[in-house]
Amino acid sequence: MQWEVGKRIVAPTRCKDYGILSVVFQLYADCKIHFKIPPTVFYPQPKVDSALIGLHFLGPGQLRRRLAGVSPAHLRTVVTATFQQRRKTVRNGLKQLALT
């Protein structure tokens, strides 16, 4: 995949690349960039670098522990609202939610 997408998947919190893609992938899998792949190894050559990403998906038990009792549907709603608009603060992004 593209290097930039790979960086977003493995991005740590409080990083510019951290977003909804990071949250979702890191929730369901342990993610790691193994190495960068230069465009010269492909034909035709793309204009971007690529990356080899390792994804070790969690089993059902591990996923339940990570979710810690949170409903996947509620989590999806909160994450979507939080990252809807990049420049908004979390508080402003969540104002529209009526969590019960």
PDB file of N, CA and C in Angstrom:
ATOM      1  N   MET A   1       0.836  -1.164   0.000  1.00  0.00           N
ATOM      2  CA  MET A   1       0.000   0.000   0.000  1.00  0.00           C
ATOM      3  C   MET A   1       0.885   1.232   0.000  1.00  0.00           C
ATOM      4  N   GLN A   2       0.274   2.408  -0.235  1.00  0.00           N
ATOM      5  CA  GLN A   2       1.048   3.637  -0.242  1.00  0.00           C
ATOM      6  C   GLN A   2       1.649   3.915   1.137  1.00  0.00           C
ATOM      7  N   TRP A   3       2.853   4.454   1.136  1.00  0.00           N
ATOM      8  CA  TRP A   3       3.583   4.755   2.359  1.00  0.00           C
ATOM      9  C   TRP A   3       2.755   5.660   3.285  1.00  0.00           C
ATOM     10  N   GLU A   4       2.118   6.672   2.714  1.00  0.00           N
ATOM     11  CA  GLU A   4       1.338   7.614   3.516  1.00  0.00           C
ATOM     12  C   GLU A   4       0.163   6.927   4.210  1.00  0.00           C
ATOM     13  N   VAL A   5      -0.487   5.996   3.543  1.00  0.00           N
ATOM     14  CA  VAL A   5      -1.601   5.256   4.134  1.00  0.00           C
ATOM     15  C   VAL A   5      -1.082   4.362   5.256  1.00  0.00           C
ATOM     16  N   GLY A   6       0.033   3.712   5.025  1.00  0.00           N
ATOM     17  CA  GLY A   6       0.647   2.873   6.051  1.00  0.00           C
ATOM     18  C   GLY A   6       0.996   3.668   7.299  1.00  0.00           C
ATOM     19  N   LYS A   7       1.530   4.887   7.110  1.00  0.00           N
ATOM     20  CA  LYS A   7       1.856   5.737   8.253  1.00  0.00           C
ATOM     21  C   LYS A   7       0.596   6.106   9.034  1.00  0.00           C
ATOM     22  N   ARG A   8      -0.509   6.314   8.336  1.00  0.00           N
ATOM     23  CA  ARG A   8      -1.769   6.649   9.023  1.00  0.00           C
ATOM     24  C   ARG A   8      -2.293   5.457   9.823  1.00  0.00           C
ATOM     25  N   ILE A   9      -2.126   4.269   9.296  1.00  0.00           N
ATOM     26  CA  ILE A   9      -2.613   3.073   9.988  1.00  0.00           C
ATOM     27  C   ILE A   9      -1.870   2.858  11.303  1.00  0.00           C
ATOM     28  N   VAL A  10      -0.566   3.053  11.315  1.00  0.00           N
ATOM     29  CA  VAL A  10       0.241   2.777  12.511  1.00  0.00           C
ATOM     30  C   VAL A  10       0.507   4.016  13.363  1.00  0.00           C
ATOM     31  N   ALA A  11      -0.065   5.161  13.008  1.00  0.00           N
ATOM     32  CA  ALA A  11       0.209   6.421  13.705  1.00  0.00           C
ATOM     33  C   ALA A  11      -0.158   6.354  15.184  1.00  0.00           C
ATOM     34  N   PRO A  12       0.705   6.885  16.046  1.00  0.00           N
ATOM     35  CA  PRO A  12       0.376   6.948  17.475  1.00  0.00           C
ATOM     36  C   PRO A  12      -0.572   8.118  17.743  1.00  0.00           C
ATOM     37  N   THR A  13      -1.202   8.102  18.904  1.00  0.00           N
ATOM     38  CA  THR A  13      -2.070   9.218  19.271  1.00  0.00           C
ATOM     39  C   THR A  13      -1.252  10.507  19.347  1.00  0.00           C
ATOM     40  N   ARG A  14      -1.929  11.617  19.253  1.00  0.00           N
ATOM     41  CA  ARG A  14      -1.311  12.952  19.303  1.00  0.00           C
ATOM     42  C   ARG A  14      -0.320  13.185  18.177  1.00  0.00           C
ATOM     43  N   CYS A  15      -0.580  12.565  17.059  1.00  0.00           N
ATOM     44  CA  CYS A  15       0.260  12.703  15.876  1.00  0.00           C
ATOM     45  C   CYS A  15      -0.638  13.206  14.749  1.00  0.00           C
ATOM     46  N   LYS A  16      -0.092  14.010  13.843  1.00  0.00           N
ATOM     47  CA  LYS A  16      -0.891  14.571  12.752  1.00  0.00           C
ATOM     48  C   LYS A  16      -1.534  13.481  11.891  1.00  0.00           C
ATOM     49  N   ASP A  17      -0.865  12.351  11.737  1.00  0.00           N
ATOM     50  CA  ASP A  17      -1.384  11.269  10.894  1.00  0.00           C
ATOM     51  C   ASP A  17      -2.465  10.436  11.583  1.00  0.00           C
ATOM     52  N   TYR A  18      -2.637  10.599  12.891  1.00  0.00           N
ATOM     53  CA  TYR A  18      -3.608   9.808  13.652  1.00  0.00           C
ATOM     54  C   TYR A  18      -5.022  10.232  13.275  1.00  0.00           C
ATOM     55  N   GLY A  19      -5.846   9.238  12.942  1.00  0.00           N
ATOM     56  CA  GLY A  19      -7.222   9.527  12.556  1.00  0.00           C
ATOM     57  C   GLY A  19      -8.084   8.290  12.671  1.00  0.00           C
ATOM     58  N   ILE A  20      -9.218   8.333  12.020  1.00  0.00           N
ATOM     59  CA  ILE A  20     -10.183   7.237  12.113  1.00  0.00           C
ATOM     60  C   ILE A  20      -9.574   5.929  11.597  1.00  0.00           C
ATOM     61  N   LEU A  21      -8.742   6.008  10.569  1.00  0.00           N
ATOM     62  CA  LEU A  21      -8.089   4.807  10.034  1.00  0.00           C
ATOM     63  C   LEU A  21      -7.190   4.172  11.097  1.00  0.00           C
ATOM     64  N   SER A  22      -6.453   5.001  11.821  1.00  0.00           N
ATOM     65  CA  SER A  22      -5.587   4.512  12.906  1.00  0.00           C
ATOM     66  C   SER A  22      -6.403   3.834  13.991  1.00  0.00           C
ATOM     67  N   VAL A  23      -7.487   4.479  14.404  1.00  0.00           N
ATOM     68  CA  VAL A  23      -8.312   3.949  15.489  1.00  0.00           C
ATOM     69  C   VAL A  23      -8.879   2.590  15.114  1.00  0.00           C
ATOM     70  N   VAL A  24      -9.462   2.491  13.934  1.00  0.00           N
ATOM     71  CA  VAL A  24     -10.119   1.241  13.522  1.00  0.00           C
ATOM     72  C   VAL A  24      -9.110   0.110  13.356  1.00  0.00           C
ATOM     73  N   PHE A  25      -8.024   0.363  12.638  1.00  0.00           N
ATOM     74  CA  PHE A  25      -7.035  -0.697  12.442  1.00  0.00           C
ATOM     75  C   PHE A  25      -6.400  -1.123  13.760  1.00  0.00           C
ATOM     76  N   GLN A  26      -6.048  -0.164  14.616  1.00  0.00           N
ATOM     77  CA  GLN A  26      -5.383  -0.496  15.869  1.00  0.00           C
ATOM     78  C   GLN A  26      -6.331  -1.115  16.887  1.00  0.00           C
ATOM     79  N   LEU A  27      -7.632  -0.931  16.699  1.00  0.00           N
ATOM     80  CA  LEU A  27      -8.599  -1.593  17.573  1.00  0.00           C
ATOM     81  C   LEU A  27      -8.675  -3.082  17.255  1.00  0.00           C
ATOM     82  N   TYR A  28      -8.715  -3.419  15.973  1.00  0.00           N
ATOM     83  CA  TYR A  28      -8.915  -4.806  15.556  1.00  0.00           C
ATOM     84  C   TYR A  28      -7.631  -5.589  15.300  1.00  0.00           C
ATOM     85  N   ALA A  29      -6.487  -4.906  15.247  1.00  0.00           N
ATOM     86  CA  ALA A  29      -5.240  -5.611  14.926  1.00  0.00           C
ATOM     87  C   ALA A  29      -4.038  -4.901  15.546  1.00  0.00           C
ATOM     88  N   ASP A  30      -2.964  -5.653  15.728  1.00  0.00           N
ATOM     89  CA  ASP A  30      -1.671  -5.061  16.059  1.00  0.00           C
ATOM     90  C   ASP A  30      -1.013  -4.745  14.721  1.00  0.00           C
ATOM     91  N   CYS A  31      -0.662  -3.492  14.508  1.00  0.00           N
ATOM     92  CA  CYS A  31      -0.185  -3.021  13.209  1.00  0.00           C
ATOM     93  C   CYS A  31       1.279  -2.601  13.275  1.00  0.00           C
ATOM     94  N   LYS A  32       2.006  -2.890  12.201  1.00  0.00           N
ATOM     95  CA  LYS A  32       3.427  -2.548  12.163  1.00  0.00           C
ATOM     96  C   LYS A  32       3.850  -2.326  10.716  1.00  0.00           C
ATOM     97  N   ILE A  33       4.632  -1.285  10.489  1.00  0.00           N
ATOM     98  CA  ILE A  33       5.256  -1.090   9.176  1.00  0.00           C
ATOM     99  C   ILE A  33       6.561  -1.870   9.199  1.00  0.00           C
ATOM    100  N   HIS A  34       6.705  -2.795   8.280  1.00  0.00           N
ATOM    101  CA  HIS A  34       7.934  -3.592   8.234  1.00  0.00           C
ATOM    102  C   HIS A  34       9.041  -2.860   7.485  1.00  0.00           C
ATOM    103  N   PHE A  35       8.708  -2.308   6.305  1.00  0.00           N
ATOM    104  CA  PHE A  35       9.699  -1.525   5.584  1.00  0.00           C
ATOM    105  C   PHE A  35       9.062  -0.764   4.430  1.00  0.00           C
ATOM    106  N   LYS A  36       9.817   0.223   3.952  1.00  0.00           N
ATOM    107  CA  LYS A  36       9.399   1.039   2.807  1.00  0.00           C
ATOM    108  C   LYS A  36       9.839   0.341   1.524  1.00  0.00           C
ATOM    109  N   ILE A  37       8.989   0.384   0.515  1.00  0.00           N
ATOM    110  CA  ILE A  37       9.285  -0.230  -0.781  1.00  0.00           C
ATOM    111  C   ILE A  37       9.415   0.888  -1.811  1.00  0.00           C
ATOM    112  N   PRO A  38      10.570   0.994  -2.476  1.00  0.00           N
ATOM    113  CA  PRO A  38      10.750   2.079  -3.441  1.00  0.00           C
ATOM    114  C   PRO A  38       9.945   1.839  -4.722  1.00  0.00           C
ATOM    115  N   PRO A  39       9.616   2.897  -5.440  1.00  0.00           N
ATOM    116  CA  PRO A  39       8.843   2.759  -6.679  1.00  0.00           C
ATOM    117  C   PRO A  39       9.570   1.960  -7.765  1.00  0.00           C
ATOM    118  N   THR A  40      10.892   1.866  -7.668  1.00  0.00           N
ATOM    119  CA  THR A  40      11.677   1.201  -8.717  1.00  0.00           C
ATOM    120  C   THR A  40      11.429  -0.308  -8.813  1.00  0.00           C
ATOM    121  N   VAL A  41      10.803  -0.909  -7.799  1.00  0.00           N
ATOM    122  CA  VAL A  41      10.570  -2.355  -7.848  1.00  0.00           C
ATOM    123  C   VAL A  41       9.268  -2.708  -8.568  1.00  0.00           C
ATOM    124  N   PHE A  42       8.496  -1.702  -8.986  1.00  0.00           N
ATOM    125  CA  PHE A  42       7.228  -1.944  -9.682  1.00  0.00           C
ATOM    126  C   PHE A  42       7.334  -1.543 -11.144  1.00  0.00           C
ATOM    127  N   TYR A  43       6.524  -2.188 -11.960  1.00  0.00           N
ATOM    128  CA  TYR A  43       6.405  -1.772 -13.358  1.00  0.00           C
ATOM    129  C   TYR A  43       4.939  -1.717 -13.713  1.00  0.00           C
ATOM    130  N   PRO A  44       4.447  -0.630 -14.203  1.00  0.00           N
ATOM    131  CA  PRO A  44       5.115   0.669 -14.323  1.00  0.00           C
ATOM    132  C   PRO A  44       5.355   1.281 -12.941  1.00  0.00           C
ATOM    133  N   GLN A  45       6.351   2.146 -12.880  1.00  0.00           N
ATOM    134  CA  GLN A  45       6.732   2.746 -11.601  1.00  0.00           C
ATOM    135  C   GLN A  45       5.670   3.733 -11.128  1.00  0.00           C
ATOM    136  N   PRO A  46       5.183   3.563  -9.898  1.00  0.00           N
ATOM    137  CA  PRO A  46       4.272   4.579  -9.352  1.00  0.00           C
ATOM    138  C   PRO A  46       5.077   5.818  -8.962  1.00  0.00           C
ATOM    139  N   LYS A  47       4.387   6.891  -8.678  1.00  0.00           N
ATOM    140  CA  LYS A  47       5.063   8.126  -8.287  1.00  0.00           C
ATOM    141  C   LYS A  47       5.144   8.273  -6.766  1.00  0.00           C
ATOM    142  N   VAL A  48       4.814   7.198  -6.058  1.00  0.00           N
ATOM    143  CA  VAL A  48       4.826   7.232  -4.588  1.00  0.00           C
ATOM    144  C   VAL A  48       5.582   6.025  -4.052  1.00  0.00           C
ATOM    145  N   ASP A  49       6.054   6.146  -2.812  1.00  0.00           N
ATOM    146  CA  ASP A  49       6.658   5.003  -2.128  1.00  0.00           C
ATOM    147  C   ASP A  49       5.549   4.100  -1.616  1.00  0.00           C
ATOM    148  N   SER A  50       5.872   2.840  -1.419  1.00  0.00           N
ATOM    149  CA  SER A  50       4.922   1.875  -0.874  1.00  0.00           C
ATOM    150  C   SER A  50       5.463   1.356   0.454  1.00  0.00           C
ATOM    151  N   ALA A  51       4.629   0.593   1.163  1.00  0.00           N
ATOM    152  CA  ALA A  51       5.045   0.043   2.445  1.00  0.00           C
ATOM    153  C   ALA A  51       4.504  -1.368   2.589  1.00  0.00           C
ATOM    154  N   LEU A  52       5.266  -2.193   3.293  1.00  0.00           N
ATOM    155  CA  LEU A  52       4.779  -3.521   3.664  1.00  0.00           C
ATOM    156  C   LEU A  52       4.291  -3.403   5.101  1.00  0.00           C
ATOM    157  N   ILE A  53       3.004  -3.625   5.288  1.00  0.00           N
ATOM    158  CA  ILE A  53       2.363  -3.486   6.600  1.00  0.00           C
ATOM    159  C   ILE A  53       2.044  -4.866   7.142  1.00  0.00           C
ATOM    160  N   GLY A  54       2.339  -5.078   8.408  1.00  0.00           N
ATOM    161  CA  GLY A  54       1.972  -6.321   9.080  1.00  0.00           C
ATOM    162  C   GLY A  54       0.754  -6.087   9.950  1.00  0.00           C
ATOM    163  N   LEU A  55      -0.278  -6.906   9.775  1.00  0.00           N
ATOM    164  CA  LEU A  55      -1.498  -6.814  10.572  1.00  0.00           C
ATOM    165  C   LEU A  55      -1.730  -8.154  11.250  1.00  0.00           C
ATOM    166  N   HIS A  56      -1.691  -8.152  12.572  1.00  0.00           N
ATOM    167  CA  HIS A  56      -1.968  -9.367  13.329  1.00  0.00           C
ATOM    168  C   HIS A  56      -3.327  -9.158  14.000  1.00  0.00           C
ATOM    169  N   PHE A  57      -4.383  -9.721  13.384  1.00  0.00           N
ATOM    170  CA  PHE A  57      -5.740  -9.499  13.867  1.00  0.00           C
ATOM    171  C   PHE A  57      -5.979 -10.219  15.191  1.00  0.00           C
ATOM    172  N   LEU A  58      -6.725  -9.567  16.056  1.00  0.00           N
ATOM    173  CA  LEU A  58      -6.997 -10.092  17.388  1.00  0.00           C
ATOM    174  C   LEU A  58      -8.091 -11.143  17.351  1.00  0.00           C
ATOM    175  N   GLY A  59      -8.026 -12.077  18.264  1.00  0.00           N
ATOM    176  CA  GLY A  59      -9.085 -13.062  18.423  1.00  0.00           C
ATOM    177  C   GLY A  59     -10.273 -12.427  19.144  1.00  0.00           C
ATOM    178  N   PRO A  60     -11.410 -13.110  19.171  1.00  0.00           N
ATOM    179  CA  PRO A  60     -12.611 -12.560  19.800  1.00  0.00           C
ATOM    180  C   PRO A  60     -12.414 -12.179  21.272  1.00  0.00           C
ATOM    181  N   GLY A  61     -11.685 -12.991  22.031  1.00  0.00           N
ATOM    182  CA  GLY A  61     -11.450 -12.697  23.443  1.00  0.00           C
ATOM    183  C   GLY A  61     -10.635 -11.429  23.641  1.00  0.00           C
ATOM    184  N   GLN A  62      -9.564 -11.288  22.858  1.00  0.00           N
ATOM    185  CA  GLN A  62      -8.727 -10.091  22.947  1.00  0.00           C
ATOM    186  C   GLN A  62      -9.505  -8.847  22.545  1.00  0.00           C
ATOM    187  N   LEU A  63     -10.342  -8.982  21.523  1.00  0.00           N
ATOM    188  CA  LEU A  63     -11.139  -7.847  21.065  1.00  0.00           C
ATOM    189  C   LEU A  63     -12.136  -7.418  22.141  1.00  0.00           C
ATOM    190  N   ARG A  64     -12.775  -8.379  22.787  1.00  0.00           N
ATOM    191  CA  ARG A  64     -13.708  -8.048  23.879  1.00  0.00           C
ATOM    192  C   ARG A  64     -12.988  -7.297  25.001  1.00  0.00           C
ATOM    193  N   ARG A  65     -11.765  -7.723  25.318  1.00  0.00           N
ATOM    194  CA  ARG A  65     -10.995  -7.038  26.359  1.00  0.00           C
ATOM    195  C   ARG A  65     -10.651  -5.608  25.931  1.00  0.00           C
ATOM    196  N   ARG A  66     -10.296  -5.428  24.663  1.00  0.00           N
ATOM    197  CA  ARG A  66      -9.980  -4.074  24.182  1.00  0.00           C
ATOM    198  C   ARG A  66     -11.219  -3.183  24.202  1.00  0.00           C
ATOM    199  N   LEU A  67     -12.363  -3.759  23.860  1.00  0.00           N
ATOM    200  CA  LEU A  67     -13.595  -2.966  23.858  1.00  0.00           C
ATOM    201  C   LEU A  67     -14.079  -2.666  25.277  1.00  0.00           C
ATOM    202  N   ALA A  68     -13.692  -3.484  26.238  1.00  0.00           N
ATOM    203  CA  ALA A  68     -14.005  -3.275  27.663  1.00  0.00           C
ATOM    204  C   ALA A  68     -15.484  -2.995  27.902  1.00  0.00           C
ATOM    205  N   GLY A  69     -16.351  -3.778  27.269  1.00  0.00           N
ATOM    206  CA  GLY A  69     -17.784  -3.645  27.492  1.00  0.00           C
ATOM    207  C   GLY A  69     -18.482  -2.599  26.635  1.00  0.00           C
ATOM    208  N   VAL A  70     -17.741  -1.875  25.811  1.00  0.00           N
ATOM    209  CA  VAL A  70     -18.333  -0.853  24.949  1.00  0.00           C
ATOM    210  C   VAL A  70     -18.953  -1.526  23.732  1.00  0.00           C
ATOM    211  N   SER A  71     -20.148  -1.106  23.387  1.00  0.00           N
ATOM    212  CA  SER A  71     -20.828  -1.634  22.203  1.00  0.00           C
ATOM    213  C   SER A  71     -20.076  -1.189  20.946  1.00  0.00           C
ATOM    214  N   PRO A  72     -19.783  -2.107  20.016  1.00  0.00           N
ATOM    215  CA  PRO A  72     -19.104  -1.710  18.773  1.00  0.00           C
ATOM    216  C   PRO A  72     -19.879  -0.642  17.999  1.00  0.00           C
ATOM    217  N   ALA A  73     -21.210  -0.704  18.028  1.00  0.00           N
ATOM    218  CA  ALA A  73     -22.022   0.298  17.323  1.00  0.00           C
ATOM    219  C   ALA A  73     -21.845   1.681  17.954  1.00  0.00           C
ATOM    220  N   HIS A  74     -21.837   1.752  19.292  1.00  0.00           N
ATOM    221  CA  HIS A  74     -21.635   3.038  19.970  1.00  0.00           C
ATOM    222  C   HIS A  74     -20.232   3.568  19.717  1.00  0.00           C
ATOM    223  N   LEU A  75     -19.255   2.679  19.749  1.00  0.00           N
ATOM    224  CA  LEU A  75     -17.880   3.086  19.487  1.00  0.00           C
ATOM    225  C   LEU A  75     -17.758   3.672  18.084  1.00  0.00           C
ATOM    226  N   ARG A  76     -18.352   3.013  17.108  1.00  0.00           N
ATOM    227  CA  ARG A  76     -18.315   3.485  15.724  1.00  0.00           C
ATOM    228  C   ARG A  76     -18.921   4.887  15.618  1.00  0.00           C
ATOM    229  N   THR A  77     -20.047   5.107  16.302  1.00  0.00           N
ATOM    230  CA  THR A  77     -20.713   6.408  16.270  1.00  0.00           C
ATOM    231  C   THR A  77     -19.820   7.497  16.861  1.00  0.00           C
ATOM    232  N   VAL A  78     -19.211   7.213  17.997  1.00  0.00           N
ATOM    233  CA  VAL A  78     -18.349   8.200  18.657  1.00  0.00           C
ATOM    234  C   VAL A  78     -17.104   8.479  17.824  1.00  0.00           C
ATOM    235  N   VAL A  79     -16.462   7.450  17.306  1.00  0.00           N
ATOM    236  CA  VAL A  79     -15.242   7.634  16.510  1.00  0.00           C
ATOM    237  C   VAL A  79     -15.545   8.422  15.241  1.00  0.00           C
ATOM    238  N   THR A  80     -16.649   8.092  14.585  1.00  0.00           N
ATOM    239  CA  THR A  80     -17.032   8.810  13.361  1.00  0.00           C
ATOM    240  C   THR A  80     -17.283  10.282  13.666  1.00  0.00           C
ATOM    241  N   ALA A  81     -18.015  10.571  14.725  1.00  0.00           N
ATOM    242  CA  ALA A  81     -18.300  11.960  15.093  1.00  0.00           C
ATOM    243  C   ALA A  81     -17.025  12.704  15.483  1.00  0.00           C
ATOM    244  N   THR A  82     -16.135  12.032  16.172  1.00  0.00           N
ATOM    245  CA  THR A  82     -14.900  12.665  16.634  1.00  0.00           C
ATOM    246  C   THR A  82     -14.010  13.084  15.472  1.00  0.00           C
ATOM    247  N   PHE A  83     -13.890  12.230  14.478  1.00  0.00           N
ATOM    248  CA  PHE A  83     -12.967  12.510  13.372  1.00  0.00           C
ATOM    249  C   PHE A  83     -13.661  13.041  12.126  1.00  0.00           C
ATOM    250  N   GLN A  84     -14.927  13.438  12.248  1.00  0.00           N
ATOM    251  CA  GLN A  84     -15.694  13.915  11.093  1.00  0.00           C
ATOM    252  C   GLN A  84     -15.017  15.112  10.421  1.00  0.00           C
ATOM    253  N   GLN A  85     -14.663  16.108  11.214  1.00  0.00           N
ATOM    254  CA  GLN A  85     -14.009  17.293  10.672  1.00  0.00           C
ATOM    255  C   GLN A  85     -12.676  17.473  11.376  1.00  0.00           C
ATOM    256  N   ARG A  86     -11.626  17.453  10.636  1.00  0.00           N
ATOM    257  CA  ARG A  86     -10.262  17.399  11.140  1.00  0.00           C
ATOM    258  C   ARG A  86      -9.913  18.554  12.096  1.00  0.00           C
ATOM    259  N   ARG A  87     -10.385  19.740  11.813  1.00  0.00           N
ATOM    260  CA  ARG A  87      -9.943  20.900  12.600  1.00  0.00           C
ATOM    261  C   ARG A  87     -10.776  21.153  13.854  1.00  0.00           C
ATOM    262  N   LYS A  88     -11.869  20.465  13.970  1.00  0.00           N
ATOM    263  CA  LYS A  88     -12.700  20.667  15.150  1.00  0.00           C
ATOM    264  C   LYS A  88     -12.069  19.993  16.369  1.00  0.00           C
ATOM    265  N   THR A  89     -12.371  20.537  17.511  1.00  0.00           N
ATOM    266  CA  THR A  89     -11.928  19.868  18.730  1.00  0.00           C
ATOM    267  C   THR A  89     -12.856  18.685  18.981  1.00  0.00           C
ATOM    268  N   VAL A  90     -12.429  17.783  19.819  1.00  0.00           N
ATOM    269  CA  VAL A  90     -13.238  16.604  20.138  1.00  0.00           C
ATOM    270  C   VAL A  90     -14.581  17.052  20.720  1.00  0.00           C
ATOM    271  N   ARG A  91     -14.555  18.032  21.604  1.00  0.00           N
ATOM    272  CA  ARG A  91     -15.789  18.515  22.224  1.00  0.00           C
ATOM    273  C   ARG A  91     -16.788  18.993  21.168  1.00  0.00           C
ATOM    274  N   ASN A  92     -16.322  19.785  20.208  1.00  0.00           N
ATOM    275  CA  ASN A  92     -17.216  20.275  19.157  1.00  0.00           C
ATOM    276  C   ASN A  92     -17.702  19.148  18.261  1.00  0.00           C
ATOM    277  N   GLY A  93     -16.834  18.187  18.000  1.00  0.00           N
ATOM    278  CA  GLY A  93     -17.232  17.055  17.155  1.00  0.00           C
ATOM    279  C   GLY A  93     -18.289  16.183  17.794  1.00  0.00           C
ATOM    280  N   LEU A  94     -18.262  16.110  19.131  1.00  0.00           N
ATOM    281  CA  LEU A  94     -19.211  15.233  19.848  1.00  0.00           C
ATOM    282  C   LEU A  94     -20.486  15.937  20.289  1.00  0.00           C
ATOM    283  N   LYS A  95     -20.597  17.247  20.085  1.00  0.00           N
ATOM    284  CA  LYS A  95     -21.788  17.986  20.516  1.00  0.00           C
ATOM    285  C   LYS A  95     -23.068  17.439  19.897  1.00  0.00           C
ATOM    286  N   GLN A  96     -22.981  16.953  18.670  1.00  0.00           N
ATOM    287  CA  GLN A  96     -24.180  16.473  17.970  1.00  0.00           C
ATOM    288  C   GLN A  96     -24.670  15.124  18.485  1.00  0.00           C
ATOM    289  N   LEU A  97     -23.854  14.418  19.251  1.00  0.00           N
ATOM    290  CA  LEU A  97     -24.246  13.097  19.744  1.00  0.00           C
ATOM    291  C   LEU A  97     -25.164  13.212  20.949  1.00  0.00           C
ATOM    292  N   ALA A  98     -26.153  12.348  20.962  1.00  0.00           N
ATOM    293  CA  ALA A  98     -27.028  12.249  22.125  1.00  0.00           C
ATOM    294  C   ALA A  98     -26.791  10.864  22.725  1.00  0.00           C
ATOM    295  N   LEU A  99     -25.712  10.757  23.504  1.00  0.00           N
ATOM    296  CA  LEU A  99     -25.367   9.459  24.077  1.00  0.00           C
ATOM    297  C   LEU A  99     -26.248   9.169  25.290  1.00  0.00           C
ATOM    298  N   THR A 100     -26.787   7.965  25.300  1.00  0.00           N
ATOM    299  CA  THR A 100     -27.631   7.575  26.433  1.00  0.00           C
ATOM    300  C   THR A 100     -27.032   6.380  27.127  1.00  0.00           C
TER     301      THR A 100
END
